[in-house]
Structures are given as structure tokens and as C-alpha cells.
Amino acid sequence: QVQLVESGGGLVQAGGSLRLSCAASGGTFSNSAMGWFRQAPGKDREFVAAISWSGGSMNYADNVKGRFTISRDNAKNTEYLQMNTLKPEDTAVYYCAADAAWRRRPVAVRATEYRYWGQGTQVTVSS
């Protein structure tokens, strides 16, 4: 049974940083893209970032580009999201996701392309 478990969320002041982790178990995703999405209260879930199976290709939403960095460690079956210069508008529940497709190109950026999801971790940025 595949499980994705996020950690690292919390409360931070504007301008601060957080690092989210997503550990996968019950399966290996070393040949699958992984991504991060977020959902703020009253809003739809939105794409944040995605990384290819090899880590060689990344894709970011425009509103996080230059501030967030996605990475992965296939040996640990884990992906990360380093978030710097956080803004109050980054407040949301952050979800990690794993694509079931083998080495999909280009990297999936739509939520419908991801089969496996974590339970989410809350990130709150105070002004």
C-alpha cells in the first residue's frame, strides 16, 4: 500500500523559510515524477512544483519561481520543497504527489496526472 507522508510544515513569519519533506513507502518512485501542490481556504488546489524521475528537470508555478526549490533523493524515496522568502499568500495546506507513469515527459503539472497523494501539511505565514 503506497503512502506519502509530508512533514516540515508550521508557522513562520513573512520572509522566513521552511523545508517540506515527503517520504514515500509501499512503493518506489525512482522512475516517476513527483510534485507539490497547495490549497488555501476557499481556493482550488494549485500546482506548486514538480520534478522529473531523475531530478534533472523541474517545473515551478510562476508565483513561487525563484523562491522555492524542489529536489528529491531516490535512494531515500523522498522529495523536498525548500521554501524561502515566504509570503502570507503562501499560506495553505501543502500536498506531495507521485505520478504513476514511468518517466513521463514533460513533467506532470496537473493534479489529475498524479495518482498518489499525501495527507497534507499546513504552512502558515504571518505578516
Protein backbone atom coordinates (compact mmCIF):
# COMPACT_ATOMS: atom_id res chain seq x y z
CA GLN A 1 0.00 0.00 0.00
CA VAL A 2 1.53 3.26 -1.16
CA GLN A 3 1.81 6.02 1.40
CA LEU A 4 3.16 9.53 1.05
CA VAL A 5 3.80 11.36 4.30
CA GLU A 6 4.61 15.05 4.40
CA SER A 7 6.43 16.80 7.22
CA GLY A 8 8.05 20.15 7.92
CA GLY A 9 5.06 22.46 7.85
CA GLY A 10 4.44 25.05 10.52
CA LEU A 11 4.08 28.72 11.36
CA VAL A 12 6.69 31.17 10.09
CA GLN A 13 6.95 34.92 9.72
CA ALA A 14 6.95 36.56 6.33
CA GLY A 15 10.42 36.41 4.81
CA GLY A 16 11.23 33.20 6.61
CA SER A 17 11.93 29.71 5.32
CA LEU A 18 10.60 26.21 5.69
CA ARG A 19 11.63 22.87 4.23
CA LEU A 20 8.95 20.31 3.50
CA SER A 21 9.72 16.62 3.12
CA CYS A 22 7.65 13.84 1.61
CA ALA A 23 8.58 10.26 2.35
CA ALA A 24 7.14 7.51 0.19
CA SER A 25 6.59 3.95 1.34
CA GLY A 26 4.93 0.87 -0.07
CA GLY A 27 6.37 1.53 -3.50
CA THR A 28 9.30 3.05 -5.29
CA PHE A 29 9.03 6.22 -7.34
CA SER A 30 12.55 6.41 -8.67
CA ASN A 31 11.11 6.27 -12.21
CA SER A 32 8.21 8.63 -11.59
CA ALA A 33 7.80 12.36 -11.39
CA MET A 34 6.87 13.85 -8.04
CA GLY A 35 5.24 17.15 -7.27
CA TRP A 36 3.92 19.58 -4.72
CA PHE A 37 0.50 21.21 -4.73
CA ARG A 38 -1.20 23.51 -2.25
CA GLN A 39 -4.70 24.51 -1.30
CA ALA A 40 -5.64 27.66 0.56
CA PRO A 41 -9.01 28.03 2.31
CA GLY A 42 -11.77 28.66 -0.20
CA LYS A 43 -9.49 28.11 -3.17
CA ASP A 44 -8.81 25.29 -5.59
CA ARG A 45 -5.76 23.09 -5.25
CA GLU A 46 -2.94 24.62 -7.28
CA PHE A 47 0.32 23.38 -8.70
CA VAL A 48 3.49 24.48 -6.93
CA ALA A 49 6.40 22.48 -8.31
CA ALA A 50 7.31 19.19 -9.94
CA ILE A 51 10.49 17.23 -10.52
CA SER A 52 11.28 14.54 -13.05
CA TRP A 53 12.19 10.98 -12.10
CA SER A 54 15.90 11.71 -12.42
CA GLY A 55 15.79 15.11 -10.78
CA GLY A 56 17.14 16.64 -13.95
CA SER A 57 14.02 18.62 -14.84
CA MET A 58 11.98 20.88 -12.59
CA ASN A 59 8.89 22.95 -13.18
CA TYR A 60 7.58 25.75 -10.95
CA ALA A 61 4.47 27.85 -10.72
CA ASP A 62 5.21 31.46 -11.61
CA ASN A 63 4.28 32.71 -8.15
CA VAL A 64 6.96 30.58 -6.43
CA LYS A 65 9.70 30.67 -9.04
CA GLY A 66 12.95 31.95 -7.58
CA ARG A 67 11.78 31.35 -4.00
CA PHE A 68 11.00 27.62 -3.86
CA THR A 69 13.28 24.74 -4.81
CA ILE A 70 12.12 21.18 -5.35
CA SER A 71 14.52 18.27 -5.03
CA ARG A 72 14.49 14.53 -4.48
CA ASP A 73 16.61 11.72 -3.13
CA ASN A 74 15.68 8.50 -4.89
CA ALA A 75 17.80 6.41 -2.55
CA LYS A 76 15.57 7.61 0.30
CA ASN A 77 12.35 7.64 -1.73
CA THR A 78 11.87 11.21 -0.57
CA GLU A 79 11.20 14.57 -2.15
CA TYR A 80 11.69 18.01 -0.66
CA LEU A 81 10.43 21.54 -1.09
CA GLN A 82 12.69 24.31 0.18
CA MET A 83 10.62 27.45 0.61
CA ASN A 84 12.40 30.76 1.07
CA THR A 85 11.20 34.35 1.31
CA LEU A 86 7.77 33.13 2.33
CA LYS A 87 4.79 35.43 1.92
CA PRO A 88 1.40 35.42 3.66
CA GLU A 89 -0.17 34.35 0.37
CA ASP A 90 1.85 31.12 0.57
CA THR A 91 -0.35 30.05 3.48
CA ALA A 92 -2.02 26.78 2.53
CA VAL A 93 -2.08 23.06 3.08
CA TYR A 94 0.76 21.60 1.03
CA TYR A 95 0.38 18.17 -0.56
CA CYS A 96 3.02 15.97 -2.12
CA ALA A 97 2.08 13.77 -5.02
CA ALA A 98 3.60 10.97 -7.06
CA ASP A 99 2.95 10.19 -10.69
CA ALA A 100 2.22 6.56 -11.55
CA ALA A 101 3.52 6.91 -15.12
CA TRP A 102 7.01 5.67 -15.95
CA ARG A 103 9.35 8.56 -16.74
CA ARG A 104 6.58 10.82 -18.10
CA ARG A 105 7.79 13.67 -20.26
CA PRO A 106 7.21 16.50 -19.90
CA VAL A 107 6.92 16.51 -16.14
CA ALA A 108 3.30 16.40 -15.00
CA VAL A 109 1.93 19.69 -13.67
CA ARG A 110 -1.78 18.88 -13.47
CA ALA A 111 -3.25 17.31 -10.36
CA THR A 112 -5.14 14.80 -12.50
CA GLU A 113 -1.83 13.35 -13.69
CA TYR A 114 -0.81 12.31 -10.18
CA ARG A 115 -2.16 9.10 -8.70
CA TYR A 116 -0.74 9.12 -5.19
CA TRP A 117 -1.21 11.87 -2.63
CA GLY A 118 -0.10 12.66 0.89
CA GLN A 119 -2.41 13.86 3.62
CA GLY A 120 -1.06 17.40 3.55
CA THR A 121 0.89 19.62 5.90
CA GLN A 122 -0.17 23.10 6.99
CA VAL A 123 2.06 26.06 6.20
CA THR A 124 1.07 29.37 7.77
CA VAL A 125 2.96 32.57 7.02
CA SER A 126 2.24 35.51 9.29
CA SER A 127 2.66 39.11 8.17
